[in-house]
Amino acid sequence: MFEIGRRQNLTAVKTVDFGVYFSEEGNREERVLLPKKEVPKDLQIGDKLDLFLYKDSSDRLIATTRIPKTAVGEIALLSVSSVTKIGAFLNWGLEKDLFLPFKEQTKKVEVGEEVLVRAYTDKSDRLCASMKLYKYLATDSDYQKDDWVNARVYEISDNFGAFCAVDDKYSALVPKKELTRELRVNDTFEARVTGVLDDGRLNLALRDKAYMTIDKDADYVMYVINSYDGVLPFNDKVSPEIIKRECNMSKNQFKRAVGHLLKQGLIEIDEKVIYIKGRK
């Protein structure tokens, strides 16, 4: 049985003016054409070739000796070649581009942009791509807690955070509480592994451990206080949303930084404000 979107070892069974037909061993009734321009000069009937099967622009099953950048079930980074009314098309190394339907996009893509996708066949046996990767990324990495990794965002969830692919291969998540800066689909960044779940998926953080960043956080809080002429119009009891808006950090980070500055004797705090010592 022919498998569309994959390479198969097939046997040459018939030569015609426009190419050579191939079939599986022992099944000469089901045939697929290798166009004449791709037929090796010394090919003989009975010879075998590894061929990739896909559908041409007329939706006919066709064979090629080319090796595309991905295959059904595989994940790859592909460039957007065009965007149309029905979806986008990706360059995967064959004459006919790979279709990326709008419903399978986790953001609107643009021509020239590279996107991480998985190739699949739809209900009509049509080759397509999807940016929805959660179920298909690998979970068997060797990464451990506190390792630094390279990650790419493939989907953003308002409830959970930023879903990522580490090394464009392994399943990972930057939990919502760890989103100390805005991330968008297709952003790439370095992150620290904060944990490996029982199923092998990775949890990531954009910042290093608290004890390694507290000085930087404290310096930034001082910068923010100075931007308010030395008197910050809220203290560490304010809502996390205000802290995020004004300082771009979590409430826990902010409280640690304020505590650090208090211990250094640089600031004072009262029921409503934080101010540089001696300024109020």
C-alpha atoms as a PDB file:
ATOM      1  CA  MET A   1       0.000   0.000   0.000  1.00  0.00           C
ATOM      2  CA  PHE A   2       1.364   3.392  -0.943  1.00  0.00           C
ATOM      3  CA  GLU A   3       2.047   5.794   1.920  1.00  0.00           C
ATOM      4  CA  ILE A   4       1.635   9.415   0.921  1.00  0.00           C
ATOM      5  CA  GLY A   5       4.091  11.815   2.533  1.00  0.00           C
ATOM      6  CA  ARG A   6       6.772   9.186   3.137  1.00  0.00           C
ATOM      7  CA  ARG A   7       9.682   7.545   1.307  1.00  0.00           C
ATOM      8  CA  GLN A   8       9.195   4.000   0.059  1.00  0.00           C
ATOM      9  CA  ASN A   9      11.389   1.488  -1.702  1.00  0.00           C
ATOM     10  CA  LEU A  10       9.583   0.765  -4.973  1.00  0.00           C
ATOM     11  CA  THR A  11      10.239  -1.280  -8.103  1.00  0.00           C
ATOM     12  CA  ALA A  12      10.236   0.034 -11.689  1.00  0.00           C
ATOM     13  CA  VAL A  13       7.539  -1.878 -13.609  1.00  0.00           C
ATOM     14  CA  LYS A  14       6.714   0.053 -16.797  1.00  0.00           C
ATOM     15  CA  THR A  15       8.297   2.699 -19.000  1.00  0.00           C
ATOM     16  CA  VAL A  16       6.133   5.288 -20.776  1.00  0.00           C
ATOM     17  CA  ASP A  17       6.927   8.411 -22.798  1.00  0.00           C
ATOM     18  CA  PHE A  18       6.413  10.662 -19.771  1.00  0.00           C
ATOM     19  CA  GLY A  19       8.239   8.611 -17.152  1.00  0.00           C
ATOM     20  CA  VAL A  20       8.399   5.292 -15.340  1.00  0.00           C
ATOM     21  CA  TYR A  21       5.742   3.616 -13.247  1.00  0.00           C
ATOM     22  CA  PHE A  22       6.734   2.063  -9.934  1.00  0.00           C
ATOM     23  CA  SER A  23       4.943  -0.361  -7.661  1.00  0.00           C
ATOM     24  CA  GLU A  24       5.500  -2.227  -4.443  1.00  0.00           C
ATOM     25  CA  GLU A  25       7.077  -5.659  -4.507  1.00  0.00           C
ATOM     26  CA  GLY A  26       4.367  -8.219  -5.317  1.00  0.00           C
ATOM     27  CA  ASN A  27       1.707  -5.602  -6.120  1.00  0.00           C
ATOM     28  CA  ARG A  28       1.956  -4.407  -9.708  1.00  0.00           C
ATOM     29  CA  GLU A  29      -1.671  -3.310  -9.962  1.00  0.00           C
ATOM     30  CA  GLU A  30      -1.113  -0.201  -7.826  1.00  0.00           C
ATOM     31  CA  ARG A  31       1.338   2.089  -9.609  1.00  0.00           C
ATOM     32  CA  VAL A  32       2.779   5.562  -9.169  1.00  0.00           C
ATOM     33  CA  LEU A  33       4.555   7.649 -11.796  1.00  0.00           C
ATOM     34  CA  LEU A  34       8.093   8.982 -11.519  1.00  0.00           C
ATOM     35  CA  PRO A  35       8.194  11.854 -14.077  1.00  0.00           C
ATOM     36  CA  LYS A  36      10.654  11.472 -16.946  1.00  0.00           C
ATOM     37  CA  LYS A  37      12.834  14.399 -15.829  1.00  0.00           C
ATOM     38  CA  GLU A  38      13.626  12.542 -12.595  1.00  0.00           C
ATOM     39  CA  VAL A  39      14.234   9.080 -14.018  1.00  0.00           C
ATOM     40  CA  PRO A  40      17.920   8.021 -13.731  1.00  0.00           C
ATOM     41  CA  LYS A  41      19.484   7.478 -17.182  1.00  0.00           C
ATOM     42  CA  ASP A  42      20.577   3.913 -16.466  1.00  0.00           C
ATOM     43  CA  LEU A  43      17.318   2.772 -14.840  1.00  0.00           C
ATOM     44  CA  GLN A  44      16.056  -0.655 -15.919  1.00  0.00           C
ATOM     45  CA  ILE A  45      12.708  -2.357 -15.349  1.00  0.00           C
ATOM     46  CA  GLY A  46      12.996  -4.303 -12.116  1.00  0.00           C
ATOM     47  CA  ASP A  47      15.327  -1.764 -10.512  1.00  0.00           C
ATOM     48  CA  LYS A  48      14.395  -0.394  -7.107  1.00  0.00           C
ATOM     49  CA  LEU A  49      14.489   3.220  -5.932  1.00  0.00           C
ATOM     50  CA  ASP A  50      13.701   5.049  -2.709  1.00  0.00           C
ATOM     51  CA  LEU A  51      10.943   7.468  -3.718  1.00  0.00           C
ATOM     52  CA  PHE A  52       8.912  10.072  -1.844  1.00  0.00           C
ATOM     53  CA  LEU A  53       5.181  10.064  -2.603  1.00  0.00           C
ATOM     54  CA  TYR A  54       3.027  13.195  -2.662  1.00  0.00           C
ATOM     55  CA  LYS A  55       0.292  14.809  -4.739  1.00  0.00           C
ATOM     56  CA  ASP A  56       1.025  17.175  -7.610  1.00  0.00           C
ATOM     57  CA  SER A  57      -0.790  20.420  -8.455  1.00  0.00           C
ATOM     58  CA  SER A  58      -3.562  18.371 -10.127  1.00  0.00           C
ATOM     59  CA  ASP A  59      -4.012  16.329  -6.918  1.00  0.00           C
ATOM     60  CA  ARG A  60      -2.566  13.191  -8.543  1.00  0.00           C
ATOM     61  CA  LEU A  61      -0.297  10.833  -6.627  1.00  0.00           C
ATOM     62  CA  ILE A  62       3.260  11.332  -7.885  1.00  0.00           C
ATOM     63  CA  ALA A  63       6.729  10.062  -6.980  1.00  0.00           C
ATOM     64  CA  THR A  64       9.975  12.006  -6.672  1.00  0.00           C
ATOM     65  CA  THR A  65      13.613  11.192  -6.052  1.00  0.00           C
ATOM     66  CA  ARG A  66      13.944  14.453  -4.113  1.00  0.00           C
ATOM     67  CA  ILE A  67      14.248  14.341  -0.350  1.00  0.00           C
ATOM     68  CA  PRO A  68      11.882  16.935   1.176  1.00  0.00           C
ATOM     69  CA  LYS A  69      12.657  18.828   4.362  1.00  0.00           C
ATOM     70  CA  THR A  70      10.050  16.853   6.296  1.00  0.00           C
ATOM     71  CA  ALA A  71       7.659  13.901   6.017  1.00  0.00           C
ATOM     72  CA  VAL A  72       4.335  12.902   7.534  1.00  0.00           C
ATOM     73  CA  GLY A  73       4.657  12.700  11.306  1.00  0.00           C
ATOM     74  CA  GLU A  74       7.892  14.696  11.396  1.00  0.00           C
ATOM     75  CA  ILE A  75       8.504  18.206  12.776  1.00  0.00           C
ATOM     76  CA  ALA A  76      10.558  20.745  10.832  1.00  0.00           C
ATOM     77  CA  LEU A  77      11.260  24.457  10.537  1.00  0.00           C
ATOM     78  CA  LEU A  78       9.930  25.618   7.154  1.00  0.00           C
ATOM     79  CA  SER A  79       9.787  28.959   5.366  1.00  0.00           C
ATOM     80  CA  VAL A  80       6.467  30.537   4.351  1.00  0.00           C
ATOM     81  CA  SER A  81       6.471  30.974   0.560  1.00  0.00           C
ATOM     82  CA  SER A  82       2.988  32.470   0.152  1.00  0.00           C
ATOM     83  CA  VAL A  83      -0.192  33.396   2.022  1.00  0.00           C
ATOM     84  CA  THR A  84      -3.561  33.061   0.283  1.00  0.00           C
ATOM     85  CA  LYS A  85      -7.265  33.269   1.098  1.00  0.00           C
ATOM     86  CA  ILE A  86      -7.329  29.602   2.127  1.00  0.00           C
ATOM     87  CA  GLY A  87      -4.116  29.490   4.142  1.00  0.00           C
ATOM     88  CA  ALA A  88      -0.352  29.606   3.811  1.00  0.00           C
ATOM     89  CA  PHE A  89       2.072  27.514   1.779  1.00  0.00           C
ATOM     90  CA  LEU A  90       5.471  26.356   2.988  1.00  0.00           C
ATOM     91  CA  ASN A  91       8.645  25.584   1.057  1.00  0.00           C
ATOM     92  CA  TRP A  92       9.602  22.009   1.845  1.00  0.00           C
ATOM     93  CA  GLY A  93      11.837  21.313  -1.112  1.00  0.00           C
ATOM     94  CA  LEU A  94       9.293  19.950  -3.607  1.00  0.00           C
ATOM     95  CA  GLU A  95       7.631  21.544  -6.646  1.00  0.00           C
ATOM     96  CA  LYS A  96       4.295  21.765  -4.823  1.00  0.00           C
ATOM     97  CA  ASP A  97       4.471  23.678  -1.519  1.00  0.00           C
ATOM     98  CA  LEU A  98       3.097  22.226   1.718  1.00  0.00           C
ATOM     99  CA  PHE A  99      -0.303  23.617   2.732  1.00  0.00           C
ATOM    100  CA  LEU A 100      -0.704  25.231   6.178  1.00  0.00           C
ATOM    101  CA  PRO A 101      -4.457  25.799   6.791  1.00  0.00           C
ATOM    102  CA  PHE A 102      -5.549  28.842   8.791  1.00  0.00           C
ATOM    103  CA  LYS A 103      -7.124  26.557  11.410  1.00  0.00           C
ATOM    104  CA  GLU A 104      -3.739  24.934  12.017  1.00  0.00           C
ATOM    105  CA  GLN A 105      -1.926  28.237  12.584  1.00  0.00           C
ATOM    106  CA  THR A 106      -1.278  29.424  16.131  1.00  0.00           C
ATOM    107  CA  LYS A 107      -0.676  32.920  14.743  1.00  0.00           C
ATOM    108  CA  LYS A 108      -0.969  34.645  11.393  1.00  0.00           C
ATOM    109  CA  VAL A 109       2.162  33.859   9.423  1.00  0.00           C
ATOM    110  CA  GLU A 110       3.965  36.066   6.923  1.00  0.00           C
ATOM    111  CA  VAL A 111       5.885  35.395   3.726  1.00  0.00           C
ATOM    112  CA  GLY A 112       9.554  34.691   4.469  1.00  0.00           C
ATOM    113  CA  GLU A 113       8.888  33.766   8.082  1.00  0.00           C
ATOM    114  CA  GLU A 114      10.113  30.399   9.345  1.00  0.00           C
ATOM    115  CA  VAL A 115       7.599  28.353  11.327  1.00  0.00           C
ATOM    116  CA  LEU A 116       7.874  25.090  13.221  1.00  0.00           C
ATOM    117  CA  VAL A 117       5.301  22.614  11.885  1.00  0.00           C
ATOM    118  CA  ARG A 118       4.316  18.962  11.785  1.00  0.00           C
ATOM    119  CA  ALA A 119       3.337  17.374   8.479  1.00  0.00           C
ATOM    120  CA  TYR A 120       0.173  15.256   8.381  1.00  0.00           C
ATOM    121  CA  THR A 121      -2.528  14.016   5.989  1.00  0.00           C
ATOM    122  CA  ASP A 122      -6.067  15.341   6.382  1.00  0.00           C
ATOM    123  CA  LYS A 123      -9.359  13.455   5.925  1.00  0.00           C
ATOM    124  CA  SER A 124      -9.083  13.941   2.164  1.00  0.00           C
ATOM    125  CA  ASP A 125      -5.617  12.356   2.144  1.00  0.00           C
ATOM    126  CA  ARG A 126      -4.154  15.785   1.421  1.00  0.00           C
ATOM    127  CA  LEU A 127      -0.694  16.652   2.717  1.00  0.00           C
ATOM    128  CA  CYS A 128      -0.840  19.538   5.201  1.00  0.00           C
ATOM    129  CA  ALA A 129       1.126  21.170   8.008  1.00  0.00           C
ATOM    130  CA  SER A 130       0.148  22.224  11.522  1.00  0.00           C
ATOM    131  CA  MET A 131       1.706  24.577  14.061  1.00  0.00           C
ATOM    132  CA  LYS A 132      -0.185  22.794  16.864  1.00  0.00           C
ATOM    133  CA  LEU A 133       2.567  20.588  18.219  1.00  0.00           C
ATOM    134  CA  TYR A 134       1.759  19.772  21.857  1.00  0.00           C
ATOM    135  CA  LYS A 135       0.829  16.101  21.296  1.00  0.00           C
ATOM    136  CA  TYR A 136       3.721  15.410  18.958  1.00  0.00           C
ATOM    137  CA  LEU A 137       6.894  16.864  20.477  1.00  0.00           C
ATOM    138  CA  ALA A 138       9.380  14.443  22.021  1.00  0.00           C
ATOM    139  CA  THR A 139       9.538  13.981  25.796  1.00  0.00           C
ATOM    140  CA  ASP A 140      12.748  11.945  26.066  1.00  0.00           C
ATOM    141  CA  SER A 141      15.377  14.697  26.330  1.00  0.00           C
ATOM    142  CA  ASP A 142      18.461  14.324  28.534  1.00  0.00           C
ATOM    143  CA  TYR A 143      17.994  17.792  30.025  1.00  0.00           C
ATOM    144  CA  GLN A 144      17.862  18.146  33.796  1.00  0.00           C
ATOM    145  CA  LYS A 145      16.902  20.832  36.270  1.00  0.00           C
ATOM    146  CA  ASP A 146      19.028  24.012  36.005  1.00  0.00           C
ATOM    147  CA  ASP A 147      20.263  23.173  32.492  1.00  0.00           C
ATOM    148  CA  TRP A 148      20.100  26.057  30.014  1.00  0.00           C
ATOM    149  CA  VAL A 149      18.314  25.333  26.730  1.00  0.00           C
ATOM    150  CA  ASN A 150      17.316  26.986  23.461  1.00  0.00           C
ATOM    151  CA  ALA A 151      13.555  27.221  23.017  1.00  0.00           C
ATOM    152  CA  ARG A 152      11.051  28.371  20.400  1.00  0.00           C
ATOM    153  CA  VAL A 153       7.462  29.410  21.202  1.00  0.00           C
ATOM    154  CA  TYR A 154       4.856  27.596  19.111  1.00  0.00           C
ATOM    155  CA  GLU A 155       1.664  28.512  21.007  1.00  0.00           C
ATOM    156  CA  ILE A 156       0.540  30.948  23.721  1.00  0.00           C
ATOM    157  CA  SER A 157      -2.111  30.002  26.303  1.00  0.00           C
ATOM    158  CA  ASP A 158      -3.775  32.628  28.472  1.00  0.00           C
ATOM    159  CA  ASN A 159      -4.274  29.962  31.142  1.00  0.00           C
ATOM    160  CA  PHE A 160      -1.012  28.032  31.097  1.00  0.00           C
ATOM    161  CA  GLY A 161       1.740  30.196  29.583  1.00  0.00           C
ATOM    162  CA  ALA A 162       4.015  29.779  26.566  1.00  0.00           C
ATOM    163  CA  PHE A 163       4.252  26.345  24.983  1.00  0.00           C
ATOM    164  CA  CYS A 164       7.721  25.831  23.507  1.00  0.00           C
ATOM    165  CA  ALA A 165       9.848  23.394  21.583  1.00  0.00           C
ATOM    166  CA  VAL A 166      13.351  22.969  23.012  1.00  0.00           C
ATOM    167  CA  ASP A 167      15.886  22.417  20.213  1.00  0.00           C
ATOM    168  CA  ASP A 168      12.808  22.468  17.902  1.00  0.00           C
ATOM    169  CA  LYS A 169      12.130  18.957  19.183  1.00  0.00           C
ATOM    170  CA  TYR A 170      11.308  18.560  22.880  1.00  0.00           C
ATOM    171  CA  SER A 171       8.076  19.561  24.643  1.00  0.00           C
ATOM    172  CA  ALA A 172       8.351  22.415  27.153  1.00  0.00           C
ATOM    173  CA  LEU A 173       6.331  25.117  28.870  1.00  0.00           C
ATOM    174  CA  VAL A 174       7.135  28.504  30.358  1.00  0.00           C
ATOM    175  CA  PRO A 175       4.377  28.627  33.020  1.00  0.00           C
ATOM    176  CA  LYS A 176       2.321  31.794  33.200  1.00  0.00           C
ATOM    177  CA  LYS A 177       3.930  32.799  36.520  1.00  0.00           C
ATOM    178  CA  GLU A 178       7.375  32.657  34.873  1.00  0.00           C
ATOM    179  CA  LEU A 179       6.480  34.977  31.991  1.00  0.00           C
ATOM    180  CA  THR A 180       8.531  37.921  33.214  1.00  0.00           C
ATOM    181  CA  ARG A 181       8.476  39.409  29.718  1.00  0.00           C
ATOM    182  CA  GLU A 182       6.140  39.144  26.779  1.00  0.00           C
ATOM    183  CA  LEU A 183       6.653  36.189  24.480  1.00  0.00           C
ATOM    184  CA  ARG A 184       5.065  35.669  21.072  1.00  0.00           C
ATOM    185  CA  VAL A 185       4.687  32.685  18.800  1.00  0.00           C
ATOM    186  CA  ASN A 186       7.962  31.985  16.969  1.00  0.00           C
ATOM    187  CA  ASP A 187      10.125  33.872  19.495  1.00  0.00           C
ATOM    188  CA  THR A 188      13.380  32.081  20.274  1.00  0.00           C
ATOM    189  CA  PHE A 189      15.210  32.488  23.563  1.00  0.00           C
ATOM    190  CA  GLU A 190      17.467  30.879  26.151  1.00  0.00           C
ATOM    191  CA  ALA A 191      15.759  29.478  29.238  1.00  0.00           C
ATOM    192  CA  ARG A 192      16.580  27.553  32.389  1.00  0.00           C
ATOM    193  CA  VAL A 193      14.973  24.181  33.077  1.00  0.00           C
ATOM    194  CA  THR A 194      13.129  24.479  36.377  1.00  0.00           C
ATOM    195  CA  GLY A 195      11.803  20.944  36.377  1.00  0.00           C
ATOM    196  CA  VAL A 196      11.272  17.749  34.426  1.00  0.00           C
ATOM    197  CA  LEU A 197       7.732  16.394  34.767  1.00  0.00           C
ATOM    198  CA  ASP A 198       6.939  12.708  35.202  1.00  0.00           C
ATOM    199  CA  ASP A 199       5.987  12.452  31.527  1.00  0.00           C
ATOM    200  CA  GLY A 200       9.293  13.994  30.441  1.00  0.00           C
ATOM    201  CA  ARG A 201       7.998  17.433  29.516  1.00  0.00           C
ATOM    202  CA  LEU A 202      10.149  20.375  30.594  1.00  0.00           C
ATOM    203  CA  ASN A 203       9.194  23.426  32.637  1.00  0.00           C
ATOM    204  CA  LEU A 204      11.233  26.526  31.835  1.00  0.00           C
ATOM    205  CA  ALA A 205      11.981  29.918  33.360  1.00  0.00           C
ATOM    206  CA  LEU A 206      13.147  33.049  31.562  1.00  0.00           C
ATOM    207  CA  ARG A 207      15.180  34.215  34.550  1.00  0.00           C
ATOM    208  CA  ASP A 208      17.877  32.559  36.611  1.00  0.00           C
ATOM    209  CA  LYS A 209      17.498  31.502  40.236  1.00  0.00           C
ATOM    210  CA  ALA A 210      16.488  34.258  42.642  1.00  0.00           C
ATOM    211  CA  TYR A 211      19.839  34.410  44.398  1.00  0.00           C
ATOM    212  CA  MET A 212      21.556  34.970  41.037  1.00  0.00           C
ATOM    213  CA  THR A 213      19.229  37.765  39.909  1.00  0.00           C
ATOM    214  CA  ILE A 214      18.337  39.575  43.113  1.00  0.00           C
ATOM    215  CA  ASP A 215      21.016  42.240  42.658  1.00  0.00           C
ATOM    216  CA  LYS A 216      19.787  42.977  39.141  1.00  0.00           C
ATOM    217  CA  ASP A 217      16.182  43.083  40.346  1.00  0.00           C
ATOM    218  CA  ALA A 218      17.105  45.403  43.217  1.00  0.00           C
ATOM    219  CA  ASP A 219      18.969  47.722  40.846  1.00  0.00           C
ATOM    220  CA  TYR A 220      15.943  47.867  38.585  1.00  0.00           C
ATOM    221  CA  VAL A 221      13.560  48.580  41.469  1.00  0.00           C
ATOM    222  CA  MET A 222      15.848  51.467  42.500  1.00  0.00           C
ATOM    223  CA  TYR A 223      15.722  52.731  38.934  1.00  0.00           C
ATOM    224  CA  VAL A 224      11.904  52.663  39.012  1.00  0.00           C
ATOM    225  CA  ILE A 225      11.803  54.439  42.394  1.00  0.00           C
ATOM    226  CA  ASN A 226      14.135  57.139  41.078  1.00  0.00           C
ATOM    227  CA  SER A 227      11.883  57.554  38.037  1.00  0.00           C
ATOM    228  CA  TYR A 228       9.189  58.604  40.524  1.00  0.00           C
ATOM    229  CA  ASP A 229      11.523  61.195  42.082  1.00  0.00           C
ATOM    230  CA  GLY A 230      12.486  58.832  44.854  1.00  0.00           C
ATOM    231  CA  VAL A 231       8.983  57.995  46.112  1.00  0.00           C
ATOM    232  CA  LEU A 232       7.260  54.959  44.586  1.00  0.00           C
ATOM    233  CA  PRO A 233       3.457  55.440  44.859  1.00  0.00           C
ATOM    234  CA  PHE A 234       2.859  51.861  46.063  1.00  0.00           C
ATOM    235  CA  ASN A 235       4.503  49.288  48.305  1.00  0.00           C
ATOM    236  CA  ASP A 236       5.021  45.533  48.164  1.00  0.00           C
ATOM    237  CA  LYS A 237       1.392  44.872  49.153  1.00  0.00           C
ATOM    238  CA  VAL A 238       0.047  46.210  45.874  1.00  0.00           C
ATOM    239  CA  SER A 239      -1.546  43.895  43.291  1.00  0.00           C
ATOM    240  CA  PRO A 240       0.658  41.696  41.072  1.00  0.00           C
ATOM    241  CA  GLU A 241      -0.812  43.446  37.999  1.00  0.00           C
ATOM    242  CA  ILE A 242       0.539  46.856  39.057  1.00  0.00           C
ATOM    243  CA  ILE A 243       3.966  45.378  39.831  1.00  0.00           C
ATOM    244  CA  LYS A 244       4.021  43.647  36.464  1.00  0.00           C
ATOM    245  CA  ARG A 245       3.032  46.870  34.680  1.00  0.00           C
ATOM    246  CA  GLU A 246       5.513  49.139  36.477  1.00  0.00           C
ATOM    247  CA  CYS A 247       8.467  46.788  37.059  1.00  0.00           C
ATOM    248  CA  ASN A 248       7.946  43.912  34.607  1.00  0.00           C
ATOM    249  CA  MET A 249       8.503  41.306  37.338  1.00  0.00           C
ATOM    250  CA  SER A 250       6.432  38.998  39.496  1.00  0.00           C
ATOM    251  CA  LYS A 251       5.252  40.024  42.949  1.00  0.00           C
ATOM    252  CA  ASN A 252       7.651  37.525  44.556  1.00  0.00           C
ATOM    253  CA  GLN A 253      10.591  38.970  42.620  1.00  0.00           C
ATOM    254  CA  PHE A 254       9.543  42.487  43.608  1.00  0.00           C
ATOM    255  CA  LYS A 255       9.230  41.576  47.308  1.00  0.00           C
ATOM    256  CA  ARG A 256      12.662  39.918  47.280  1.00  0.00           C
ATOM    257  CA  ALA A 257      14.221  42.972  45.641  1.00  0.00           C
ATOM    258  CA  VAL A 258      12.544  45.355  48.110  1.00  0.00           C
ATOM    259  CA  GLY A 259      13.695  43.207  51.027  1.00  0.00           C
ATOM    260  CA  HIS A 260      17.224  43.259  49.667  1.00  0.00           C
ATOM    261  CA  LEU A 261      17.177  47.052  49.409  1.00  0.00           C
ATOM    262  CA  LEU A 262      15.793  47.346  52.968  1.00  0.00           C
ATOM    263  CA  LYS A 263      18.620  45.210  54.334  1.00  0.00           C
ATOM    264  CA  GLN A 264      21.107  47.452  52.565  1.00  0.00           C
ATOM    265  CA  GLY A 265      19.487  50.495  54.181  1.00  0.00           C
ATOM    266  CA  LEU A 266      18.796  52.115  50.812  1.00  0.00           C
ATOM    267  CA  ILE A 267      15.032  52.451  51.064  1.00  0.00           C
ATOM    268  CA  GLU A 268      12.213  52.770  53.561  1.00  0.00           C
ATOM    269  CA  ILE A 269       8.642  51.567  53.310  1.00  0.00           C
ATOM    270  CA  ASP A 270       5.368  52.651  54.885  1.00  0.00           C
ATOM    271  CA  GLU A 271       1.692  51.783  54.489  1.00  0.00           C
ATOM    272  CA  LYS A 272       1.357  53.300  51.021  1.00  0.00           C
ATOM    273  CA  VAL A 273       4.744  54.034  49.445  1.00  0.00           C
ATOM    274  CA  ILE A 274       8.364  52.969  49.122  1.00  0.00           C
ATOM    275  CA  TYR A 275      10.952  55.728  49.132  1.00  0.00           C
ATOM    276  CA  ILE A 276      14.666  56.230  49.041  1.00  0.00           C
ATOM    277  CA  LYS A 277      15.980  56.651  52.562  1.00  0.00           C
ATOM    278  CA  GLY A 278      16.019  60.328  53.557  1.00  0.00           C
ATOM    279  CA  ARG A 279      14.053  61.397  50.479  1.00  0.00           C
ATOM    280  CA  LYS A 280      10.524  61.623  51.983  1.00  0.00           C
END
